[in-house]
C-alpha atoms as a PDB file:
ATOM      1  CA  MET A   1     104.186  88.460 116.050  1.00  0.00           C
ATOM      2  CA  GLU A   2     103.054  91.591 117.888  1.00  0.00           C
ATOM      3  CA  ARG A   3     103.832  94.916 116.277  1.00  0.00           C
ATOM      4  CA  THR A   4     106.049  97.025 118.511  1.00  0.00           C
ATOM      5  CA  VAL A   5     105.789 100.788 118.965  1.00  0.00           C
ATOM      6  CA  SER A   6     109.104 101.189 117.154  1.00  0.00           C
ATOM      7  CA  SER A   7     107.980  99.176 114.104  1.00  0.00           C
ATOM      8  CA  ILE A   8     104.664 101.058 114.007  1.00  0.00           C
ATOM      9  CA  GLN A   9     106.494 104.396 114.066  1.00  0.00           C
ATOM     10  CA  GLN A  10     108.981 103.312 111.399  1.00  0.00           C
ATOM     11  CA  GLU A  11     106.221 102.199 109.052  1.00  0.00           C
ATOM     12  CA  HIS A  12     104.365 105.456 109.652  1.00  0.00           C
ATOM     13  CA  SER A  13     107.457 107.512 108.797  1.00  0.00           C
ATOM     14  CA  SER A  14     107.981 105.450 105.649  1.00  0.00           C
ATOM     15  CA  ARG A  15     104.372 105.876 104.535  1.00  0.00           C
ATOM     16  CA  LEU A  16     104.439 109.624 105.160  1.00  0.00           C
ATOM     17  CA  GLY A  17     107.688 109.900 103.244  1.00  0.00           C
ATOM     18  CA  ALA A  18     106.126 108.142 100.251  1.00  0.00           C
ATOM     19  CA  ILE A  19     103.013 110.341 100.393  1.00  0.00           C
ATOM     20  CA  LEU A  20     105.012 113.580 100.550  1.00  0.00           C
ATOM     21  CA  GLY A  21     107.423 112.319  97.899  1.00  0.00           C
ATOM     22  CA  ASP A  22     104.574 111.580  95.484  1.00  0.00           C
ATOM     23  CA  TYR A  23     103.153 115.039  96.171  1.00  0.00           C
ATOM     24  CA  GLN A  24     106.486 116.729  95.433  1.00  0.00           C
ATOM     25  CA  ASP A  25     106.772 114.762  92.192  1.00  0.00           C
ATOM     26  CA  ALA A  26     103.275 115.889  91.199  1.00  0.00           C
ATOM     27  CA  VAL A  27     104.085 119.540  91.972  1.00  0.00           C
ATOM     28  CA  ASP A  28     107.357 119.336  90.048  1.00  0.00           C
ATOM     29  CA  ALA A  29     105.509 117.904  87.036  1.00  0.00           C
ATOM     30  CA  ILE A  30     102.938 120.707  87.202  1.00  0.00           C
ATOM     31  CA  ARG A  31     105.648 123.339  87.512  1.00  0.00           C
ATOM     32  CA  ALA A  32     107.566 121.869  84.548  1.00  0.00           C
ATOM     33  CA  GLN A  33     104.567 122.003  82.223  1.00  0.00           C
ATOM     34  CA  ALA A  34     105.460 124.595  79.591  1.00  0.00           C
ATOM     35  CA  GLN A  35     102.484 124.430  77.242  1.00  0.00           C
ATOM     36  CA  PRO A  36      98.751 124.578  77.974  1.00  0.00           C
ATOM     37  CA  GLU A  37      96.696 121.499  77.276  1.00  0.00           C
ATOM     38  CA  GLY A  38      93.893 121.733  74.783  1.00  0.00           C
ATOM     39  CA  GLY A  39      92.647 120.934  71.348  1.00  0.00           C
ATOM     40  CA  MET A  40      92.803 122.596  67.970  1.00  0.00           C
ATOM     41  CA  TYR A  41      91.681 125.955  69.359  1.00  0.00           C
ATOM     42  CA  LEU A  42      95.061 126.665  70.949  1.00  0.00           C
ATOM     43  CA  ASP A  43      96.451 128.064  67.694  1.00  0.00           C
ATOM     44  CA  ARG A  44      93.778 130.766  67.883  1.00  0.00           C
ATOM     45  CA  LEU A  45      95.187 132.089  71.187  1.00  0.00           C
ATOM     46  CA  ASP A  46      98.013 134.586  71.343  1.00  0.00           C
ATOM     47  CA  GLY A  47     100.930 134.157  73.740  1.00  0.00           C
ATOM     48  CA  GLN A  48      99.307 136.068  76.599  1.00  0.00           C
ATOM     49  CA  GLN A  49      96.108 134.071  76.317  1.00  0.00           C
ATOM     50  CA  GLN A  50      98.040 130.798  76.234  1.00  0.00           C
ATOM     51  CA  ARG A  51      99.955 131.827  79.319  1.00  0.00           C
ATOM     52  CA  ALA A  52      96.725 132.667  81.142  1.00  0.00           C
ATOM     53  CA  LEU A  53      95.273 129.293  80.153  1.00  0.00           C
ATOM     54  CA  LEU A  54      98.449 127.528  81.290  1.00  0.00           C
ATOM     55  CA  ARG A  55      98.285 129.321  84.653  1.00  0.00           C
ATOM     56  CA  GLU A  56      94.632 128.320  85.077  1.00  0.00           C
ATOM     57  CA  GLN A  57      95.326 124.685  84.218  1.00  0.00           C
ATOM     58  CA  LYS A  58      98.307 124.542  86.551  1.00  0.00           C
ATOM     59  CA  GLN A  59      96.329 126.036  89.398  1.00  0.00           C
ATOM     60  CA  ALA A  60      93.534 123.497  88.935  1.00  0.00           C
ATOM     61  CA  LYS A  61      96.021 120.626  88.944  1.00  0.00           C
ATOM     62  CA  ALA A  62      97.766 122.066  92.007  1.00  0.00           C
ATOM     63  CA  VAL A  63      94.509 122.283  93.949  1.00  0.00           C
ATOM     64  CA  GLU A  64      93.670 118.699  92.998  1.00  0.00           C
ATOM     65  CA  ALA A  65      97.141 117.451  94.023  1.00  0.00           C
ATOM     66  CA  HIS A  66      97.008 119.371  97.302  1.00  0.00           C
ATOM     67  CA  ASN A  67      93.571 118.039  98.202  1.00  0.00           C
ATOM     68  CA  LYS A  68      94.692 114.520  97.339  1.00  0.00           C
ATOM     69  CA  VAL A  69      97.842 114.640  99.472  1.00  0.00           C
ATOM     70  CA  ARG A  70      96.018 116.181 102.438  1.00  0.00           C
ATOM     71  CA  ALA A  71      93.439 113.387 102.308  1.00  0.00           C
ATOM     72  CA  ALA A  72      96.176 110.743 102.064  1.00  0.00           C
ATOM     73  CA  TYR A  73      98.144 112.364 104.887  1.00  0.00           C
ATOM     74  CA  LYS A  74      95.142 112.524 107.215  1.00  0.00           C
ATOM     75  CA  ALA A  75      94.144 108.939 106.393  1.00  0.00           C
ATOM     76  CA  GLU A  76      97.654 107.739 107.222  1.00  0.00           C
ATOM     77  CA  VAL A  77      97.737 109.705 110.481  1.00  0.00           C
ATOM     78  CA  GLU A  78      94.382 108.206 111.487  1.00  0.00           C
ATOM     79  CA  ARG A  79      95.631 104.702 110.633  1.00  0.00           C
ATOM     80  CA  TYR A  80      98.800 105.300 112.635  1.00  0.00           C
ATOM     81  CA  HIS A  81      96.927 106.609 115.660  1.00  0.00           C
ATOM     82  CA  SER A  82      94.528 103.671 115.557  1.00  0.00           C
ATOM     83  CA  GLU A  83      97.406 101.183 115.505  1.00  0.00           C
ATOM     84  CA  LEU A  84      99.197 103.029 118.299  1.00  0.00           C
ATOM     85  CA  ALA A  85      96.028 103.019 120.402  1.00  0.00           C
ATOM     86  CA  GLN A  86      95.669  99.274 119.887  1.00  0.00           C
ATOM     87  CA  ARG A  87      99.281  98.690 120.910  1.00  0.00           C
ATOM     88  CA  ARG A  88      98.833 100.993 123.909  1.00  0.00           C
ATOM     89  CA  GLY A  89      95.953  98.831 125.106  1.00  0.00           C
ATOM     90  CA  GLU A  90      97.949  95.627 124.610  1.00  0.00           C
ATOM     91  CA  LEU A  91     100.924  96.984 126.540  1.00  0.00           C
ATOM     92  CA  GLN A  92      98.737  98.332 129.317  1.00  0.00           C
ATOM     93  CA  ARG A  93      97.173  94.911 129.846  1.00  0.00           C
ATOM     94  CA  GLN A  94     100.485  93.078 129.692  1.00  0.00           C
ATOM     95  CA  ILE A  95     102.406  95.454 131.940  1.00  0.00           C
ATOM     96  CA  PHE A  96      99.856  96.700 134.449  1.00  0.00           C
ATOM     97  CA  GLY A  97      97.057  94.147 134.328  1.00  0.00           C
ATOM     98  CA  VAL A  98      96.457  92.397 137.654  1.00  0.00           C
ATOM     99  CA  SER A  99      94.189  89.360 137.419  1.00  0.00           C
ATOM    100  CA  GLY A 100      92.705  86.943 139.903  1.00  0.00           C
ATOM    101  CA  SER A 101      89.604  86.966 142.053  1.00  0.00           C
ATOM    102  CA  ASP A 102      91.307  89.009 144.766  1.00  0.00           C
ATOM    103  CA  SER A 103      93.077  91.443 142.401  1.00  0.00           C
ATOM    104  CA  ALA A 104      91.115  94.451 143.661  1.00  0.00           C
ATOM    105  CA  GLU A 105      91.990  93.640 147.256  1.00  0.00           C
ATOM    106  CA  VAL A 106      95.663  93.120 146.409  1.00  0.00           C
ATOM    107  CA  LEU A 107      95.834  96.440 144.572  1.00  0.00           C
ATOM    108  CA  ALA A 108      94.067  98.258 147.401  1.00  0.00           C
ATOM    109  CA  ARG A 109      96.527  96.825 149.912  1.00  0.00           C
ATOM    110  CA  ALA A 110      99.493  97.914 147.817  1.00  0.00           C
ATOM    111  CA  ALA A 111      98.010 101.378 147.245  1.00  0.00           C
ATOM    112  CA  LEU A 112      97.680 101.986 150.994  1.00  0.00           C
ATOM    113  CA  ALA A 113     101.179 100.719 151.807  1.00  0.00           C
ATOM    114  CA  SER A 114     103.971 103.074 152.797  1.00  0.00           C
ATOM    115  CA  GLU A 115     107.207 103.051 150.805  1.00  0.00           C
ATOM    116  CA  ASP A 116     108.818 100.595 153.249  1.00  0.00           C
ATOM    117  CA  GLU A 117     105.699  98.430 153.316  1.00  0.00           C
ATOM    118  CA  LEU A 118     105.542  98.405 149.541  1.00  0.00           C
ATOM    119  CA  ALA A 119     109.160  97.227 149.385  1.00  0.00           C
ATOM    120  CA  MET A 120     108.306  94.497 151.895  1.00  0.00           C
ATOM    121  CA  LEU A 121     105.321  93.399 149.780  1.00  0.00           C
ATOM    122  CA  MET A 122     107.600  93.079 146.784  1.00  0.00           C
ATOM    123  CA  ASP A 123     110.097  91.037 148.813  1.00  0.00           C
ATOM    124  CA  LEU A 124     107.304  88.782 150.051  1.00  0.00           C
ATOM    125  CA  ALA A 125     106.039  88.336 146.503  1.00  0.00           C
ATOM    126  CA  ALA A 126     109.510  87.341 145.322  1.00  0.00           C
ATOM    127  CA  THR A 127     109.929  84.902 148.214  1.00  0.00           C
ATOM    128  CA  THR A 128     106.540  83.244 147.746  1.00  0.00           C
ATOM    129  CA  GLY A 129     106.473  83.443 143.949  1.00  0.00           C
ATOM    130  CA  ASN A 130     103.258  85.467 144.059  1.00  0.00           C
ATOM    131  CA  ASN A 131     103.411  87.205 140.676  1.00  0.00           C
ATOM    132  CA  GLU A 132     100.146  89.085 141.112  1.00  0.00           C
ATOM    133  CA  LEU A 133     101.266  90.606 144.419  1.00  0.00           C
ATOM    134  CA  ALA A 134     104.563  91.593 142.801  1.00  0.00           C
ATOM    135  CA  LYS A 135     102.742  93.207 139.894  1.00  0.00           C
ATOM    136  CA  ALA A 136     100.373  95.084 142.222  1.00  0.00           C
ATOM    137  CA  ALA A 137     103.344  96.456 144.167  1.00  0.00           C
ATOM    138  CA  PHE A 138     105.018  97.396 140.880  1.00  0.00           C
ATOM    139  CA  VAL A 139     101.917  99.207 139.586  1.00  0.00           C
ATOM    140  CA  VAL A 140     101.780 101.323 142.731  1.00  0.00           C
ATOM    141  CA  ALA A 141     105.533 101.955 142.694  1.00  0.00           C
ATOM    142  CA  ASP A 142     105.381 103.060 139.056  1.00  0.00           C
ATOM    143  CA  HIS A 143     102.445 105.364 139.811  1.00  0.00           C
ATOM    144  CA  ARG A 144     104.389 106.934 142.671  1.00  0.00           C
ATOM    145  CA  GLY A 145     107.577 107.242 140.638  1.00  0.00           C
ATOM    146  CA  GLN A 146     109.577 104.907 142.888  1.00  0.00           C
ATOM    147  CA  GLY A 147     112.190 103.912 140.345  1.00  0.00           C
ATOM    148  CA  ASP A 148     114.173 101.703 142.708  1.00  0.00           C
ATOM    149  CA  LEU A 149     111.177  99.423 143.302  1.00  0.00           C
ATOM    150  CA  VAL A 150     110.292  99.460 139.602  1.00  0.00           C
ATOM    151  CA  ASP A 151     113.834  98.297 138.783  1.00  0.00           C
ATOM    152  CA  LYS A 152     113.627  95.682 141.507  1.00  0.00           C
ATOM    153  CA  TYR A 153     110.426  94.314 139.990  1.00  0.00           C
ATOM    154  CA  PHE A 154     111.942  94.036 136.535  1.00  0.00           C
ATOM    155  CA  ASP A 155     115.115  92.434 137.897  1.00  0.00           C
ATOM    156  CA  ALA A 156     112.863  89.604 139.067  1.00  0.00           C
ATOM    157  CA  ALA A 157     110.400  89.678 136.152  1.00  0.00           C
ATOM    158  CA  GLY A 158     113.073  89.399 133.471  1.00  0.00           C
ATOM    159  CA  SER A 159     114.199  91.147 130.303  1.00  0.00           C
ATOM    160  CA  ASP A 160     110.971  90.529 128.372  1.00  0.00           C
ATOM    161  CA  ALA A 161     108.907  92.415 130.942  1.00  0.00           C
ATOM    162  CA  ARG A 162     111.451  95.232 131.068  1.00  0.00           C
ATOM    163  CA  GLY A 163     111.399  95.438 127.277  1.00  0.00           C
ATOM    164  CA  LEU A 164     107.627  95.852 127.272  1.00  0.00           C
ATOM    165  CA  TYR A 165     107.904  98.613 129.857  1.00  0.00           C
ATOM    166  CA  GLN A 166     110.555 100.423 127.807  1.00  0.00           C
ATOM    167  CA  GLU A 167     108.259 100.174 124.805  1.00  0.00           C
ATOM    168  CA  TRP A 168     105.442 101.644 126.900  1.00  0.00           C
ATOM    169  CA  CYS A 169     107.663 104.593 127.776  1.00  0.00           C
ATOM    170  CA  GLU A 170     108.267 105.224 124.043  1.00  0.00           C
ATOM    171  CA  LEU A 171     104.584 105.895 123.440  1.00  0.00           C
ATOM    172  CA  LEU A 172     103.617 109.494 122.786  1.00  0.00           C
ATOM    173  CA  ASP A 173     101.128 111.009 125.176  1.00  0.00           C
ATOM    174  CA  GLU A 174      97.598 111.572 123.876  1.00  0.00           C
ATOM    175  CA  GLU A 175      97.996 115.361 123.733  1.00  0.00           C
ATOM    176  CA  THR A 176     101.061 115.117 121.502  1.00  0.00           C
ATOM    177  CA  ILE A 177      99.306 112.665 119.200  1.00  0.00           C
ATOM    178  CA  THR A 178      96.276 114.968 118.895  1.00  0.00           C
ATOM    179  CA  ARG A 179      98.489 117.981 118.194  1.00  0.00           C
ATOM    180  CA  ARG A 180     100.360 116.148 115.443  1.00  0.00           C
ATOM    181  CA  ALA A 181      97.077 115.113 113.855  1.00  0.00           C
ATOM    182  CA  GLU A 182      96.218 118.780 113.353  1.00  0.00           C
ATOM    183  CA  THR A 183      99.386 119.758 111.476  1.00  0.00           C
ATOM    184  CA  ALA A 184      98.440 118.669 107.958  1.00  0.00           C
ATOM    185  CA  ASP A 185      98.143 122.230 106.644  1.00  0.00           C
ATOM    186  CA  SER A 186     101.559 123.284 107.963  1.00  0.00           C
ATOM    187  CA  VAL A 187     103.262 120.069 106.870  1.00  0.00           C
ATOM    188  CA  ILE A 188     101.711 120.187 103.408  1.00  0.00           C
ATOM    189  CA  PRO A 189     101.557 123.804 102.192  1.00  0.00           C
ATOM    190  CA  ALA A 190      99.784 124.602  98.959  1.00  0.00           C
ATOM    191  CA  PRO A 191     102.253 124.737  96.037  1.00  0.00           C
ATOM    192  CA  ARG A 192     103.462 128.140  94.882  1.00  0.00           C
ATOM    193  CA  ASN A 193     105.503 129.575  92.010  1.00  0.00           C
ATOM    194  CA  LEU A 194     103.962 127.252  89.476  1.00  0.00           C
ATOM    195  CA  MET A 195     104.715 129.574  86.588  1.00  0.00           C
ATOM    196  CA  THR A 196     108.472 129.226  86.669  1.00  0.00           C
ATOM    197  CA  GLU A 197     108.658 127.823  83.173  1.00  0.00           C
ATOM    198  CA  PRO A 198     109.696 129.985  80.227  1.00  0.00           C
ATOM    199  CA  ALA A 199     106.932 132.155  78.835  1.00  0.00           C
ATOM    200  CA  VAL A 200     104.886 130.672  76.037  1.00  0.00           C
ATOM    201  CA  ALA A 201     106.059 132.036  72.710  1.00  0.00           C
ATOM    202  CA  THR A 202     103.923 134.660  71.005  1.00  0.00           C
ATOM    203  CA  TYR A 203     102.655 133.629  67.601  1.00  0.00           C
END
């Protein structure tokens, strides 16, 4: 079964939610750490030194977690864009593809037709059952923004064809997709206020 734009977007949102959720859990765990990690030498450090070590360890973990989530976020965005691009190509072929040995001639004829002539071509296509002529007239009508002829085409083509067209209209434009791909740093800020835990006791 073909993956629809809606299902692709839903999966993407779910994956991003899991990635950001895991990152928040990691940051919360780092923030909750109250004692520095280390071996036997820790008992030789006073409270201030232990706190400095704890801050250093937390910062290192935070950098690692941030780098990891940014990489996962970007990989997911790239996967999502690749799947969207594939679906875009499939929809474009299904909705706008005109086949046949004379497809170029049919499209050229429709492109040069006036609004009334284009409507007549669509009527002729419906009368003769010429699906390729109907699709050529539809492609031109859609390009010109002639919604009445577009609706007329889908009234004849059926609900499946209209559904594909509605799905096509749900696709984000390429500029929006590119802009969203560049938002990783704003969506995933570096963690702050890691030292919110009680101060390490002085020995």
